[in-house]
N, C-alpha and C. Protein backbone atom coordinates (compact mmCIF):
# COMPACT_ATOMS: atom_id res chain seq x y z
N MET A 1 27.55 -27.89 -15.86
CA MET A 1 26.77 -28.02 -14.73
C MET A 1 26.07 -27.46 -14.72
N VAL A 2 25.16 -27.93 -14.28
CA VAL A 2 23.82 -27.12 -13.54
C VAL A 2 23.50 -27.23 -12.13
N VAL A 3 23.38 -26.13 -12.14
CA VAL A 3 22.91 -25.30 -10.40
C VAL A 3 22.03 -25.94 -9.97
N PRO A 4 21.44 -26.49 -8.86
CA PRO A 4 20.38 -26.29 -8.53
C PRO A 4 19.94 -24.93 -8.03
N SER A 5 18.24 -25.51 -8.25
CA SER A 5 17.77 -23.89 -7.76
C SER A 5 17.44 -23.84 -6.47
N LEU A 6 17.99 -23.19 -5.57
CA LEU A 6 17.61 -23.44 -3.74
C LEU A 6 17.16 -21.98 -3.61
N CYS A 7 15.60 -21.82 -4.03
CA CYS A 7 14.91 -20.65 -3.44
C CYS A 7 14.33 -21.00 -2.07
N LEU A 8 14.84 -19.20 -1.54
CA LEU A 8 14.05 -19.06 0.05
C LEU A 8 13.17 -18.44 0.54
N TYR A 9 12.82 -17.80 -1.15
CA TYR A 9 11.16 -16.81 -1.35
C TYR A 9 11.23 -17.25 -2.40
N SER A 10 9.93 -16.99 -3.07
CA SER A 10 9.66 -17.17 -4.29
C SER A 10 10.40 -15.44 -5.12
N THR A 11 10.86 -14.93 -4.44
CA THR A 11 11.44 -13.82 -5.27
C THR A 11 13.40 -13.92 -6.12
N LEU A 12 13.82 -14.58 -4.35
CA LEU A 12 14.94 -15.13 -4.43
C LEU A 12 15.75 -16.12 -4.83
N CYS A 13 16.51 -16.69 -5.38
CA CYS A 13 16.64 -17.80 -5.65
C CYS A 13 18.33 -17.69 -5.50
N PHE A 14 19.19 -18.56 -4.90
CA PHE A 14 20.37 -18.86 -4.67
C PHE A 14 21.04 -18.61 -6.56
N THR A 15 20.70 -18.97 -7.46
CA THR A 15 20.87 -19.29 -8.81
C THR A 15 21.16 -17.60 -9.12
N SER A 16 21.27 -16.19 -8.66
CA SER A 16 20.55 -15.05 -9.18
C SER A 16 19.16 -14.70 -9.40
N ALA A 17 18.89 -15.80 -10.40
CA ALA A 17 17.83 -15.55 -11.03
C ALA A 17 16.73 -14.55 -10.24
N ALA A 18 15.97 -13.49 -10.77
CA ALA A 18 14.77 -12.80 -10.16
C ALA A 18 13.69 -13.23 -10.81
N ASN A 19 12.85 -13.71 -9.70
CA ASN A 19 11.32 -13.85 -11.29
C ASN A 19 10.22 -13.06 -9.82
N MET A 20 9.27 -12.22 -10.60
CA MET A 20 8.14 -11.56 -10.10
C MET A 20 7.34 -12.55 -9.65
N VAL A 21 6.95 -12.68 -8.54
CA VAL A 21 5.66 -13.80 -7.87
C VAL A 21 4.33 -14.17 -8.84
N ASP A 22 4.10 -14.82 -9.59
CA ASP A 22 2.75 -14.73 -10.06
C ASP A 22 1.71 -14.84 -9.23
N THR A 23 1.06 -13.55 -9.43
CA THR A 23 -0.23 -13.71 -8.37
C THR A 23 -1.53 -14.08 -9.12
N SER A 24 -1.49 -14.64 -10.67
CA SER A 24 -3.04 -15.42 -10.88
C SER A 24 -3.58 -16.58 -10.14
N PRO A 25 -3.09 -16.61 -9.55
CA PRO A 25 -3.31 -18.20 -8.49
C PRO A 25 -4.58 -17.40 -6.96
N LYS A 26 -3.93 -16.26 -7.50
CA LYS A 26 -4.30 -15.86 -5.79
C LYS A 26 -5.94 -15.01 -5.56
N VAL A 27 -6.85 -14.85 -4.59
CA VAL A 27 -8.18 -15.03 -4.72
C VAL A 27 -8.16 -13.01 -4.20
N GLN A 28 -8.13 -12.44 -5.99
CA GLN A 28 -8.34 -10.83 -5.25
C GLN A 28 -9.51 -9.91 -4.10
N SER A 29 -9.14 -9.36 -3.13
CA SER A 29 -9.52 -9.17 -1.59
C SER A 29 -8.92 -7.70 -1.80
N THR A 30 -10.39 -6.66 -0.94
CA THR A 30 -9.16 -5.43 -0.46
C THR A 30 -8.19 -5.86 0.08
N ARG A 31 -7.07 -4.96 0.14
CA ARG A 31 -5.74 -5.02 0.80
C ARG A 31 -5.94 -4.01 1.21
N ILE A 32 -5.23 -3.51 2.66
CA ILE A 32 -5.26 -2.51 3.30
C ILE A 32 -3.42 -2.80 3.81
N ALA A 33 -2.58 -1.59 4.26
CA ALA A 33 -1.92 -1.67 4.83
C ALA A 33 -1.40 -0.19 5.49
N MET A 34 -0.34 -0.73 6.59
CA MET A 34 -0.39 0.95 7.01
C MET A 34 1.57 1.20 7.50
N ALA A 35 1.85 1.93 7.67
CA ALA A 35 2.92 2.14 7.26
C ALA A 35 3.52 3.29 8.09
N GLU A 36 4.67 3.39 9.04
CA GLU A 36 5.04 4.87 9.80
C GLU A 36 6.27 5.35 9.48
N ALA A 37 6.97 6.27 9.42
CA ALA A 37 8.26 6.63 9.33
C ALA A 37 7.75 7.36 10.42
N ILE A 38 9.04 7.90 11.31
CA ILE A 38 10.13 8.81 12.31
C ILE A 38 10.73 9.56 11.89
N VAL A 39 10.49 11.23 11.59
CA VAL A 39 11.66 11.87 11.57
C VAL A 39 12.09 12.61 12.52
N GLN A 40 13.15 12.82 12.90
CA GLN A 40 14.10 13.09 14.34
C GLN A 40 14.56 14.48 13.88
N PHE A 41 13.99 15.50 14.96
CA PHE A 41 14.73 17.12 14.38
C PHE A 41 15.64 17.48 15.52
N GLN A 42 16.36 18.30 15.59
CA GLN A 42 17.27 18.95 17.10
C GLN A 42 16.17 19.70 17.42
N PRO A 43 16.26 19.84 19.03
CA PRO A 43 15.55 20.60 19.45
C PRO A 43 14.54 21.93 18.93
N SER A 44 15.90 22.88 18.45
CA SER A 44 15.63 23.90 18.03
C SER A 44 15.14 24.21 16.54
N THR A 45 15.65 22.99 15.73
CA THR A 45 14.81 22.99 14.36
C THR A 45 13.50 22.74 14.15
N PHE A 46 12.91 21.36 15.55
CA PHE A 46 11.72 20.86 15.54
C PHE A 46 10.78 22.36 15.75
N ALA A 47 11.26 23.23 17.21
CA ALA A 47 10.69 24.19 17.77
C ALA A 47 10.36 25.16 16.69
N GLU A 48 10.97 25.22 15.58
CA GLU A 48 11.04 26.74 14.53
C GLU A 48 9.60 25.85 13.62
N LEU A 49 9.94 24.62 12.98
CA LEU A 49 8.90 23.83 12.38
C LEU A 49 7.68 23.87 13.06
N VAL A 50 7.43 24.09 14.92
CA VAL A 50 6.31 23.75 15.18
C VAL A 50 5.79 25.22 14.99
N GLU A 51 6.58 26.17 15.67
CA GLU A 51 6.27 27.47 15.44
C GLU A 51 5.71 28.32 14.38
N SER A 52 5.89 27.67 13.17
CA SER A 52 6.07 28.31 11.61
C SER A 52 4.66 27.17 11.30
N ASN A 53 4.31 26.45 11.84
CA ASN A 53 3.12 25.84 11.13
C ASN A 53 3.11 25.18 9.79
N GLY A 54 4.52 24.75 10.22
CA GLY A 54 4.78 24.06 8.37
C GLY A 54 4.91 24.87 7.68
N GLN A 55 5.41 25.97 8.17
CA GLN A 55 5.58 26.96 6.97
C GLN A 55 7.23 27.87 6.65
N ASN A 56 8.10 27.34 5.43
CA ASN A 56 8.96 27.74 5.21
C ASN A 56 9.55 28.51 3.53
N ALA A 57 10.36 28.99 3.62
CA ALA A 57 10.39 29.48 1.89
C ALA A 57 9.97 28.68 1.18
N LYS A 58 10.34 27.40 0.79
CA LYS A 58 10.23 26.89 0.05
C LYS A 58 8.03 26.36 -0.09
N GLY A 59 7.55 26.59 1.17
CA GLY A 59 6.21 26.68 0.72
C GLY A 59 6.25 25.58 2.31
N ALA A 60 4.62 25.15 1.86
CA ALA A 60 3.86 24.49 3.38
C ALA A 60 4.09 22.90 3.09
N ILE A 61 5.33 22.99 4.58
CA ILE A 61 5.54 21.34 4.40
C ILE A 61 4.76 20.40 4.42
N PHE A 62 4.40 20.21 5.40
CA PHE A 62 2.99 18.90 4.85
C PHE A 62 2.37 19.22 3.76
N THR A 63 1.58 19.64 3.32
CA THR A 63 0.89 19.74 2.19
C THR A 63 1.56 18.98 0.68
N VAL A 64 2.96 19.60 0.77
CA VAL A 64 3.89 19.17 0.33
C VAL A 64 4.27 17.66 -0.17
N SER A 65 4.72 17.37 1.02
CA SER A 65 5.02 16.18 1.68
C SER A 65 4.19 15.46 1.31
N ARG A 66 2.86 15.58 1.84
CA ARG A 66 1.56 14.35 1.47
C ARG A 66 1.41 14.16 0.22
N ILE A 67 1.51 15.09 -0.87
CA ILE A 67 1.66 14.99 -1.82
C ILE A 67 2.61 13.44 -2.37
N ALA A 68 3.89 14.57 -2.00
CA ALA A 68 4.86 13.40 -2.83
C ALA A 68 4.66 12.15 -2.01
N GLY A 69 3.72 11.76 -0.34
CA GLY A 69 4.05 10.74 -0.57
C GLY A 69 2.55 10.32 -1.29
N ILE A 70 1.81 10.49 -1.23
CA ILE A 70 1.01 9.50 -2.26
C ILE A 70 1.34 9.81 -3.65
N CYS A 71 1.91 10.63 -4.23
CA CYS A 71 3.02 9.98 -5.91
C CYS A 71 3.69 8.99 -5.55
N GLY A 72 4.51 9.17 -4.47
CA GLY A 72 5.78 7.78 -4.15
C GLY A 72 5.06 6.64 -4.27
N SER A 73 3.85 6.08 -3.61
CA SER A 73 3.09 5.62 -3.38
C SER A 73 2.84 5.21 -4.81
N LYS A 74 2.32 6.09 -5.59
CA LYS A 74 1.45 5.51 -6.81
C LYS A 74 2.71 5.12 -7.48
N ARG A 75 3.92 5.60 -7.45
CA ARG A 75 4.82 5.10 -8.68
C ARG A 75 6.13 3.89 -7.58
N THR A 76 5.35 3.38 -6.97
CA THR A 76 6.21 1.74 -6.03
C THR A 76 7.03 0.57 -7.04
N SER A 77 5.91 0.13 -8.04
CA SER A 77 6.39 -0.17 -8.89
C SER A 77 7.70 -0.20 -9.75
N ASP A 78 7.13 1.29 -9.76
CA ASP A 78 9.04 1.50 -10.90
C ASP A 78 10.29 1.84 -9.54
N LEU A 79 9.98 1.81 -8.54
CA LEU A 79 11.42 1.55 -7.68
C LEU A 79 12.24 0.93 -7.70
N ILE A 80 10.57 -0.27 -7.23
CA ILE A 80 11.44 -1.58 -6.54
C ILE A 80 10.91 -2.71 -7.33
N PRO A 81 11.53 -3.11 -7.73
CA PRO A 81 12.14 -3.70 -9.08
C PRO A 81 11.05 -4.78 -9.47
N LEU A 82 10.77 -5.69 -8.65
CA LEU A 82 9.85 -7.08 -8.14
C LEU A 82 8.55 -6.84 -8.06
N CYS A 83 7.93 -5.84 -7.58
CA CYS A 83 6.96 -5.67 -7.10
C CYS A 83 5.64 -5.20 -8.65
N HIS A 84 4.47 -5.61 -7.91
CA HIS A 84 3.18 -5.44 -8.93
C HIS A 84 3.02 -4.24 -9.06
N PRO A 85 2.76 -3.47 -9.91
CA PRO A 85 1.87 -2.41 -10.67
C PRO A 85 0.72 -2.58 -9.90
N LEU A 86 -0.01 -1.55 -9.10
CA LEU A 86 -1.32 -1.94 -8.69
C LEU A 86 -2.22 -1.00 -8.50
N SER A 87 -3.45 -1.06 -8.65
CA SER A 87 -4.47 0.16 -8.77
C SER A 87 -5.01 -0.19 -7.51
N ILE A 88 -4.36 1.32 -6.97
CA ILE A 88 -4.71 1.73 -5.77
C ILE A 88 -6.12 2.38 -5.60
N THR A 89 -6.51 2.14 -4.91
CA THR A 89 -8.38 2.71 -4.53
C THR A 89 -8.65 3.94 -3.46
N HIS A 90 -7.58 3.86 -2.61
CA HIS A 90 -6.83 5.36 -1.49
C HIS A 90 -5.67 5.12 -0.63
N ILE A 91 -5.45 6.30 -0.38
CA ILE A 91 -4.00 6.36 -0.03
C ILE A 91 -4.09 7.85 1.03
N SER A 92 -4.21 7.88 2.10
CA SER A 92 -3.77 8.80 3.08
C SER A 92 -2.27 8.60 4.19
N ILE A 93 -2.63 10.48 3.68
CA ILE A 93 -1.46 10.31 4.36
C ILE A 93 -1.62 11.20 5.89
N ARG A 94 -1.11 11.07 6.40
CA ARG A 94 -1.28 11.65 8.26
C ARG A 94 0.19 12.07 9.14
N PHE A 95 0.30 13.22 9.65
CA PHE A 95 0.88 13.13 10.27
C PHE A 95 0.60 13.90 12.02
N LYS A 96 1.64 13.10 12.83
CA LYS A 96 1.41 13.25 14.49
C LYS A 96 2.57 14.37 14.32
N ILE A 97 2.74 15.22 15.60
CA ILE A 97 3.95 15.68 16.33
C ILE A 97 4.02 15.11 18.06
N ASN A 98 5.15 14.89 17.69
CA ASN A 98 5.96 14.32 19.57
C ASN A 98 6.52 15.56 19.95
N LYS A 99 6.50 16.47 20.04
CA LYS A 99 7.62 17.55 21.47
C LYS A 99 7.76 17.02 22.02
N GLU A 100 7.57 16.03 22.97
CA GLU A 100 8.42 15.86 23.80
C GLU A 100 9.66 14.95 23.26
N LEU A 101 10.08 14.51 22.52
CA LEU A 101 11.04 13.45 21.57
C LEU A 101 11.51 14.45 20.24
N ASN A 102 10.83 15.45 20.04
CA ASN A 102 11.40 16.46 18.44
C ASN A 102 10.79 15.59 17.16
N GLN A 103 10.08 14.61 17.54
CA GLN A 103 9.24 13.84 16.08
C GLN A 103 8.75 14.38 15.15
N LEU A 104 8.60 14.10 14.43
CA LEU A 104 7.44 14.26 13.46
C LEU A 104 6.73 12.69 12.61
N LEU A 105 5.94 12.09 13.04
CA LEU A 105 6.01 10.81 12.77
C LEU A 105 5.03 10.88 11.47
N VAL A 106 4.97 10.49 10.70
CA VAL A 106 4.43 10.32 9.69
C VAL A 106 3.67 8.53 9.37
N TYR A 107 2.52 8.63 8.80
CA TYR A 107 1.85 7.42 8.91
C TYR A 107 1.07 8.04 7.14
N SER A 108 0.96 6.41 6.14
CA SER A 108 0.29 5.92 5.74
C SER A 108 -0.13 4.31 5.56
N ARG A 109 -1.36 5.33 5.44
CA ARG A 109 -2.42 3.79 5.07
C ARG A 109 -3.10 3.96 3.08
N VAL A 110 -2.75 2.64 2.76
CA VAL A 110 -3.36 2.70 1.61
C VAL A 110 -3.88 1.24 1.31
N LYS A 111 -4.79 1.65 0.31
CA LYS A 111 -5.71 0.41 0.13
C LYS A 111 -6.10 -0.06 -1.22
N THR A 112 -6.56 -1.33 -2.12
CA THR A 112 -6.73 -1.54 -2.67
C THR A 112 -7.17 -2.89 -2.95
N VAL A 113 -8.01 -3.65 -4.08
CA VAL A 113 -8.55 -4.17 -4.27
C VAL A 113 -7.66 -5.11 -5.19
N SER A 114 -6.65 -6.37 -5.15
CA SER A 114 -6.13 -6.78 -5.67
C SER A 114 -6.04 -8.27 -5.08
N PHE A 115 -5.21 -8.60 -5.97
CA PHE A 115 -4.21 -10.26 -6.01
C PHE A 115 -3.13 -10.40 -4.84
N THR A 116 -2.44 -9.09 -4.67
CA THR A 116 -0.95 -8.86 -3.93
C THR A 116 -2.12 -7.89 -2.95
N GLY A 117 -0.75 -7.71 -1.86
CA GLY A 117 -0.65 -6.90 -0.82
C GLY A 117 -0.40 -5.25 -0.92
N VAL A 118 -0.43 -4.42 -0.10
CA VAL A 118 0.02 -2.58 -0.88
C VAL A 118 0.88 -3.03 0.09
N GLU A 119 1.42 -3.56 0.86
CA GLU A 119 3.00 -3.10 1.92
C GLU A 119 3.47 -1.89 1.48
N MET A 120 4.62 -2.52 0.29
CA MET A 120 5.80 -1.97 0.13
C MET A 120 4.88 -0.24 -0.73
N GLU A 121 3.47 -0.58 -1.24
CA GLU A 121 2.82 0.83 -1.37
C GLU A 121 3.08 1.92 -0.06
N ALA A 122 2.80 1.39 0.79
CA ALA A 122 2.42 2.04 2.27
C ALA A 122 4.03 2.55 3.01
N LEU A 123 5.00 1.78 2.71
CA LEU A 123 5.97 2.07 3.01
C LEU A 123 7.08 3.46 2.25
N THR A 124 6.60 3.15 1.22
CA THR A 124 7.16 3.60 -0.21
C THR A 124 6.16 5.23 -0.06
N ALA A 125 5.41 5.27 0.36
CA ALA A 125 4.44 6.39 1.41
C ALA A 125 5.12 7.25 1.87
N CYS A 126 5.49 6.82 3.18
CA CYS A 126 5.74 6.81 4.35
C CYS A 126 7.71 7.49 3.83
N SER A 127 8.02 6.47 3.36
CA SER A 127 9.33 7.11 2.71
C SER A 127 9.17 8.47 1.47
N VAL A 128 9.08 8.34 1.24
CA VAL A 128 8.91 9.44 -0.07
C VAL A 128 8.64 10.51 0.62
N ALA A 129 7.25 10.84 2.14
CA ALA A 129 6.95 11.62 2.52
C ALA A 129 8.10 12.28 3.87
N ALA A 130 8.65 11.68 4.14
CA ALA A 130 9.62 11.84 4.94
C ALA A 130 11.24 12.19 4.80
N LEU A 131 10.88 11.56 3.09
CA LEU A 131 12.39 12.57 2.39
C LEU A 131 12.48 14.41 1.79
N THR A 132 10.52 14.21 1.35
CA THR A 132 10.39 15.02 1.10
C THR A 132 10.29 16.66 2.57
N ILE A 133 10.30 15.96 3.69
CA ILE A 133 10.18 16.78 4.98
C ILE A 133 11.17 17.11 5.21
N TYR A 134 12.52 16.12 4.91
CA TYR A 134 13.46 16.28 5.44
C TYR A 134 14.36 17.86 3.99
N ASP A 135 14.06 17.31 2.24
CA ASP A 135 14.40 18.19 2.29
C ASP A 135 13.70 19.67 1.91
N MET A 136 12.90 20.20 2.65
CA MET A 136 11.27 21.00 3.35
C MET A 136 12.76 21.96 4.54
N CYS A 137 13.55 21.10 4.88
CA CYS A 137 13.68 21.63 6.85
C CYS A 137 15.12 21.43 6.29
N LYS A 138 15.85 20.90 5.04
CA LYS A 138 17.07 20.69 5.55
C LYS A 138 18.61 22.33 5.60
N ALA A 139 17.64 23.32 4.67
CA ALA A 139 17.97 24.77 5.07
C ALA A 139 18.06 25.36 6.94
N LEU A 140 17.42 24.29 7.45
CA LEU A 140 17.41 24.97 9.03
C LEU A 140 18.30 24.09 9.47
N SER A 141 18.13 22.62 9.14
CA SER A 141 19.89 22.27 9.83
C SER A 141 19.80 20.49 8.70
N HIS A 142 20.96 20.18 8.73
CA HIS A 142 21.08 18.65 8.21
C HIS A 142 21.49 18.02 9.09
N ASP A 143 21.32 17.60 10.21
CA ASP A 143 21.02 17.20 11.54
C ASP A 143 19.51 16.34 11.87
N ILE A 144 18.83 16.60 11.24
CA ILE A 144 17.52 15.88 10.70
C ILE A 144 17.67 14.22 10.27
N VAL A 145 17.23 13.28 11.16
CA VAL A 145 17.62 11.93 11.52
C VAL A 145 16.05 11.48 10.35
N ILE A 146 15.89 10.37 9.60
CA ILE A 146 14.64 9.73 9.35
C ILE A 146 15.23 8.27 9.62
N GLY A 147 13.88 7.64 10.32
CA GLY A 147 13.97 6.21 10.58
C GLY A 147 13.56 6.07 12.40
N PRO A 148 13.01 5.38 12.88
CA PRO A 148 13.19 4.04 11.95
C PRO A 148 11.74 3.91 10.81
N ILE A 149 11.48 3.76 9.67
CA ILE A 149 10.71 3.10 8.67
C ILE A 149 9.94 1.64 8.72
N ARG A 150 8.40 1.42 9.66
CA ARG A 150 8.05 0.44 9.59
C ARG A 150 6.30 0.16 9.15
N LEU A 151 6.60 -1.57 8.54
CA LEU A 151 4.86 -1.46 8.51
C LEU A 151 4.22 -1.99 9.91
N CYS A 152 3.35 -0.86 10.00
CA CYS A 152 2.36 -0.90 11.28
C CYS A 152 1.56 -2.47 10.79
N GLY A 153 1.24 -2.43 9.95
CA GLY A 153 0.10 -3.66 9.83
C GLY A 153 -0.42 -3.86 8.68
N LYS A 154 -1.21 -4.93 7.96
CA LYS A 154 -1.87 -4.90 7.34
C LYS A 154 -3.10 -5.87 7.46
N THR A 155 -3.56 -6.10 6.25
CA THR A 155 -5.10 -7.13 5.71
C THR A 155 -5.26 -7.36 4.79
N GLY A 156 -5.88 -8.56 4.86
CA GLY A 156 -6.68 -8.57 3.30
C GLY A 156 -5.81 -10.30 1.91
N GLY A 157 -4.88 -10.62 3.57
CA GLY A 157 -3.86 -11.51 2.43
C GLY A 157 -3.83 -12.47 3.63
N LYS A 158 -3.49 -13.36 3.28
CA LYS A 158 -3.59 -14.95 4.44
C LYS A 158 -2.95 -14.79 5.79
N ALA A 159 -1.48 -13.55 6.01
CA ALA A 159 -0.95 -13.46 6.77
C ALA A 159 -1.43 -11.85 7.31
N ASN A 160 -2.59 -11.92 7.90
CA ASN A 160 -2.86 -10.68 8.40
C ASN A 160 -1.74 -9.97 9.68
N PHE A 161 -1.83 -8.33 10.07
CA PHE A 161 -1.16 -8.66 11.58
C PHE A 161 -0.84 -6.73 11.85
N GLY A 162 -1.42 -6.49 13.02
CA GLY A 162 -0.85 -5.22 13.04
C GLY A 162 -2.38 -4.63 13.41
N CYS A 163 -2.12 -2.61 13.11
CA CYS A 163 -3.30 -2.63 12.60
C CYS A 163 -2.77 -1.26 11.09
N VAL A 164 -4.46 -1.52 10.81
CA VAL A 164 -4.56 -0.46 9.30
C VAL A 164 -5.73 0.65 9.95
N GLU A 165 -5.34 1.08 10.66
CA GLU A 165 -6.83 2.21 11.39
C GLU A 165 -6.21 3.28 11.90
N PHE A 166 -5.83 4.17 11.62
CA PHE A 166 -6.11 5.33 12.29
C PHE A 166 -6.64 5.32 13.62
N ASP A 167 -5.47 5.49 14.76
CA ASP A 167 -6.04 5.90 15.89
C ASP A 167 -7.29 6.90 16.30
N ALA A 168 -8.11 6.74 16.86
CA ALA A 168 -9.18 8.01 17.44
C ALA A 168 -9.04 8.86 17.78
N ASP A 169 -8.56 8.55 19.40
CA ASP A 169 -7.45 9.49 19.88
C ASP A 169 -6.31 10.14 20.02
N HIS A 170 -5.70 9.87 18.87
CA HIS A 170 -4.63 10.62 18.49
C HIS A 170 -5.03 11.73 17.85
N ASN A 171 -3.68 12.70 17.83
CA ASN A 171 -3.63 13.85 17.37
C ASN A 171 -3.31 13.86 15.75
N TYR A 172 -3.34 13.88 15.03
CA TYR A 172 -3.44 13.29 13.15
C TYR A 172 -3.61 14.83 12.59
N PHE A 173 -3.31 14.51 12.04
CA PHE A 173 -3.24 16.38 10.67
C PHE A 173 -3.19 16.10 9.70
C-alpha cells in the first residue's frame, strides 16, 4: 500500500519523512535575526550576581556566556538536524539587567548573506548563552529558570517582522 504524502510544512510530512528544504531557488540576500532569552534568578542570587559585576570562582560570567553564545550560533546546523549550515557574517550577544524582576536578559543578533534565514542561529545563540549563565551560577542556586526564549524579529526573507536592531535607549552591556 502506498501512503500518500500529506506535507503540512516543507520539512515534515505524515509519512515521517524528514527533508532538508532546497533553498537553491531562493534569492540570496542579507538576512538578520534577533532573539531574546530571559534568565530568572532568586533575589539573593541576583543581588550577588550584580554586586560581583558578573565575576565568580568560574570566571567572567558575561564574557564566557557571550563566547558560548557565539560558538553555539556557529554550530546550529550540527545541533538542529534540518538546519542548513550557514556562513554567518556577524554575531552580537548583549545583556540587560532588570533589577525589578531579578532577571538577566540575553539578546543575540545574527547576520548572514544567504538563501535562508538565521532565526535558528539567533535562538541557539541566546539558548547557549543562557545555559552558560546557568552553569556558571549554579553553585549559588539551582533555582535559576531559563525562559521564555523567543525570536524578536527577522529581515531579509519573504516574511519579515519585529525588531532586529538593539534599541539605542536600553542599557545593554
